[in-house]
Amino acid sequence: MGNDVYIYGSFQITPRLEERHADYLTRFNRTRRMKRNVRVLSTMEGADDTHAKVGLPLGLEGGFYVGDDEDWRCPSIVDANKPPRGQPRLWCPWMPNRDLSGLTVSLDVTNDDLPKWLRYIIKHFLAPWGYTVSGTAVWENRYRGRYQPTCKKLVVHSNHTRASKCGAWQASGLPHMKGPLDV
């Protein structure tokens, strides 16, 4: 059993993302969010400094570090299967879209991932950098098995998020963002 996640809608960012911020958010999306020892990480030779280029510290438990995580023997990793405190899961599903004017989903997601991660990146990155996020997305889980499909709606207005369950809805009029995603 599993489920497919279909997402309709979009989130716009104003003003358009600067290249350095887009690069950071893309790298944040592509690295496993692992709990790290910040003292060890800050003394490692050759450690990635992308976070510093956008005005960020390493963050709580290395939460803002976006360096290469291919070497699981890295001495800074405290727990490779636990995200830094405050981060919802090991992978952030959101990343900049192609023209850097909004956000798109790039990874397999669950219902709870989307609003939690969006709130996190608005609070810790986009709002402090001076960006405003607005838009609406509806996502639907279509279960392969005995469960009924579920639908949720996420509305963002001037960086304030609100998630709710959908009643009966029509996806018409909302652009298809990504899907199906095999979760």
Protein backbone atom coordinates (compact mmCIF):
# COMPACT_ATOMS: atom_id res chain seq x y z
CA MET A 1 0.00 0.00 0.00
CA GLY A 2 1.04 3.57 -0.57
CA ASN A 3 -0.39 6.76 -1.85
CA ASP A 4 -0.03 9.29 -4.62
CA VAL A 5 0.02 12.98 -3.73
CA TYR A 6 -1.37 15.47 -6.25
CA ILE A 7 -0.75 19.17 -5.71
CA TYR A 8 -2.62 22.00 -7.44
CA GLY A 9 -1.86 25.70 -7.03
CA SER A 10 1.19 27.86 -6.49
CA PHE A 11 3.00 30.14 -4.08
CA GLN A 12 4.51 33.37 -5.37
CA ILE A 13 7.50 35.12 -3.82
CA THR A 14 7.90 38.89 -4.07
CA PRO A 15 10.26 40.33 -4.97
CA ARG A 16 11.81 37.66 -7.20
CA LEU A 17 14.48 35.63 -5.36
CA GLU A 18 18.09 36.73 -5.63
CA GLU A 19 20.34 34.03 -7.13
CA ARG A 20 22.23 33.50 -3.84
CA HIS A 21 18.99 32.94 -1.92
CA ALA A 22 17.66 30.59 -4.61
CA ASP A 23 20.95 28.66 -4.52
CA TYR A 24 20.73 28.31 -0.75
CA LEU A 25 17.07 27.14 -0.80
CA THR A 26 17.84 24.63 -3.55
CA ARG A 27 20.77 23.23 -1.58
CA PHE A 28 18.63 23.16 1.59
CA ASN A 29 16.07 21.10 -0.34
CA ARG A 30 18.72 18.69 -1.68
CA THR A 31 20.54 17.93 1.58
CA ARG A 32 19.39 15.55 4.26
CA ARG A 33 18.51 17.52 7.38
CA MET A 34 20.68 15.72 9.95
CA LYS A 35 21.25 16.63 13.58
CA ARG A 36 24.84 17.88 13.85
CA ASN A 37 27.35 19.08 16.41
CA VAL A 38 27.80 22.77 15.59
CA ARG A 39 31.15 23.04 17.43
CA VAL A 40 32.64 20.22 15.36
CA LEU A 41 31.05 21.54 12.16
CA SER A 42 32.41 25.06 12.68
CA THR A 43 35.99 23.79 13.04
CA MET A 44 35.97 21.42 10.05
CA GLU A 45 38.33 22.40 7.26
CA GLY A 46 36.64 22.77 3.91
CA ALA A 47 33.12 22.80 5.39
CA ASP A 48 30.56 24.45 3.14
CA ASP A 49 29.84 28.11 3.92
CA THR A 50 26.78 28.69 1.73
CA HIS A 51 24.78 29.57 4.85
CA ALA A 52 27.19 32.42 5.65
CA LYS A 53 26.88 33.83 2.11
CA VAL A 54 23.18 34.49 2.79
CA GLY A 55 23.72 35.84 6.30
CA LEU A 56 22.83 32.73 8.26
CA PRO A 57 24.65 31.05 11.15
CA LEU A 58 25.00 27.25 11.19
CA GLY A 59 21.74 27.17 13.14
CA LEU A 60 20.48 25.07 16.00
CA GLU A 61 22.03 21.59 15.72
CA GLY A 62 23.48 22.59 12.31
CA GLY A 63 20.01 23.16 10.90
CA PHE A 64 21.13 25.76 8.33
CA TYR A 65 24.13 23.77 7.07
CA VAL A 66 23.74 22.75 3.42
CA GLY A 67 27.10 21.15 2.73
CA ASP A 68 27.64 17.81 1.10
CA ASP A 69 26.16 15.05 3.22
CA GLU A 70 27.45 12.14 1.16
CA ASP A 71 30.01 11.18 3.82
CA TRP A 72 27.94 9.69 6.61
CA ARG A 73 31.12 9.25 8.65
CA CYS A 74 31.42 13.05 8.95
CA PRO A 75 32.35 13.78 12.58
CA SER A 76 29.78 16.61 12.81
CA ILE A 77 26.82 14.22 12.40
CA VAL A 78 25.21 13.40 15.75
CA ASP A 79 22.23 11.48 14.35
CA ALA A 80 21.79 10.95 10.61
CA ASN A 81 18.20 9.81 11.10
CA LYS A 82 16.99 12.75 13.17
CA PRO A 83 16.53 16.30 11.83
CA PRO A 84 17.84 19.31 13.74
CA ARG A 85 15.45 20.59 16.40
CA GLY A 86 12.60 22.60 14.87
CA GLN A 87 12.78 20.98 11.42
CA PRO A 88 9.78 18.75 10.62
CA ARG A 89 11.53 15.90 8.80
CA LEU A 90 14.77 14.78 7.17
CA TRP A 91 13.92 16.35 3.78
CA CYS A 92 12.39 19.72 2.91
CA PRO A 93 9.99 19.35 -0.04
CA TRP A 94 10.01 23.04 -1.08
CA MET A 95 12.43 24.69 -3.49
CA PRO A 96 12.42 27.72 -5.82
CA ASN A 97 10.67 27.37 -9.15
CA ARG A 98 12.58 27.83 -12.42
CA ASP A 99 12.10 31.58 -12.75
CA LEU A 100 12.74 32.21 -9.02
CA SER A 101 9.33 33.86 -8.56
CA GLY A 102 7.78 31.15 -6.42
CA LEU A 103 8.05 27.80 -4.69
CA THR A 104 7.47 24.31 -6.01
CA VAL A 105 7.48 20.82 -4.51
CA SER A 106 10.42 18.66 -5.54
CA LEU A 107 10.22 15.60 -3.31
CA ASP A 108 7.84 12.94 -2.17
CA VAL A 109 5.71 14.41 0.56
CA THR A 110 3.11 13.55 3.14
CA ASN A 111 0.18 15.73 4.14
CA ASP A 112 1.94 17.04 7.23
CA ASP A 113 5.20 17.94 5.46
CA LEU A 114 3.89 20.73 3.26
CA PRO A 115 2.54 23.31 5.74
CA LYS A 116 5.15 22.61 8.41
CA TRP A 117 8.08 23.01 6.02
CA LEU A 118 6.55 26.06 4.32
CA ARG A 119 6.11 27.78 7.70
CA TYR A 120 9.71 26.89 8.57
CA ILE A 121 11.31 28.32 5.43
CA ILE A 122 9.17 31.47 5.56
CA LYS A 123 10.06 32.08 9.22
CA HIS A 124 13.77 31.26 9.04
CA PHE A 125 14.73 32.29 5.50
CA LEU A 126 12.27 34.13 3.29
CA ALA A 127 10.79 36.67 5.74
CA PRO A 128 14.18 37.63 7.28
CA TRP A 129 15.58 38.10 3.75
CA GLY A 130 12.72 40.51 2.95
CA TYR A 131 10.51 38.28 0.80
CA THR A 132 6.73 37.88 0.93
CA VAL A 133 5.01 34.60 0.07
CA SER A 134 1.37 34.41 -1.06
CA GLY A 135 -0.77 31.83 -2.81
CA THR A 136 -3.04 28.84 -2.45
CA ALA A 137 -2.47 25.14 -3.02
CA VAL A 138 -4.69 22.13 -2.63
CA TRP A 139 -3.23 18.68 -2.24
CA GLU A 140 -4.88 15.34 -2.35
CA ASN A 141 -3.74 11.94 -1.14
CA ARG A 142 -5.07 9.15 -3.31
CA TYR A 143 -4.45 6.00 -1.34
CA ARG A 144 -3.73 2.69 -2.98
CA GLY A 145 -5.57 0.48 -0.56
CA ARG A 146 -8.53 0.66 1.75
CA TYR A 147 -8.43 4.34 2.77
CA GLN A 148 -10.51 7.14 1.27
CA PRO A 149 -8.70 10.01 -0.48
CA THR A 150 -8.04 13.07 1.66
CA CYS A 151 -7.77 16.67 0.59
CA LYS A 152 -6.11 19.61 2.32
CA LYS A 153 -5.74 23.26 1.45
CA LEU A 154 -2.84 25.57 2.27
CA VAL A 155 -3.31 29.34 2.01
CA VAL A 156 -0.47 31.82 2.45
CA HIS A 157 -1.16 35.54 2.56
CA SER A 158 1.75 37.91 3.25
CA ASN A 159 3.79 35.12 4.91
CA HIS A 160 0.93 33.95 7.15
CA THR A 161 -0.05 30.32 6.57
CA ARG A 162 -3.30 28.53 7.18
CA ALA A 163 -3.90 24.84 6.47
CA SER A 164 -7.33 23.24 6.51
CA LYS A 165 -9.19 20.18 5.30
CA CYS A 166 -11.14 20.50 2.07
CA GLY A 167 -14.75 19.63 1.62
CA ALA A 168 -15.88 18.66 -1.81
CA TRP A 169 -13.69 20.60 -4.21
CA GLN A 170 -12.85 21.05 -7.84
CA ALA A 171 -9.21 21.41 -8.83
CA SER A 172 -10.20 23.31 -11.97
CA GLY A 173 -8.75 26.77 -12.06
CA LEU A 174 -5.71 25.83 -9.98
CA PRO A 175 -2.57 25.07 -12.00
CA HIS A 176 -1.14 21.60 -11.48
CA MET A 177 2.09 21.94 -9.46
CA LYS A 178 3.50 18.41 -9.31
CA GLY A 179 2.23 14.88 -9.19
CA PRO A 180 1.64 12.15 -8.88
CA LEU A 181 4.32 11.77 -6.27
CA ASP A 182 4.85 8.23 -5.08
CA VAL A 183 4.98 8.33 -1.29
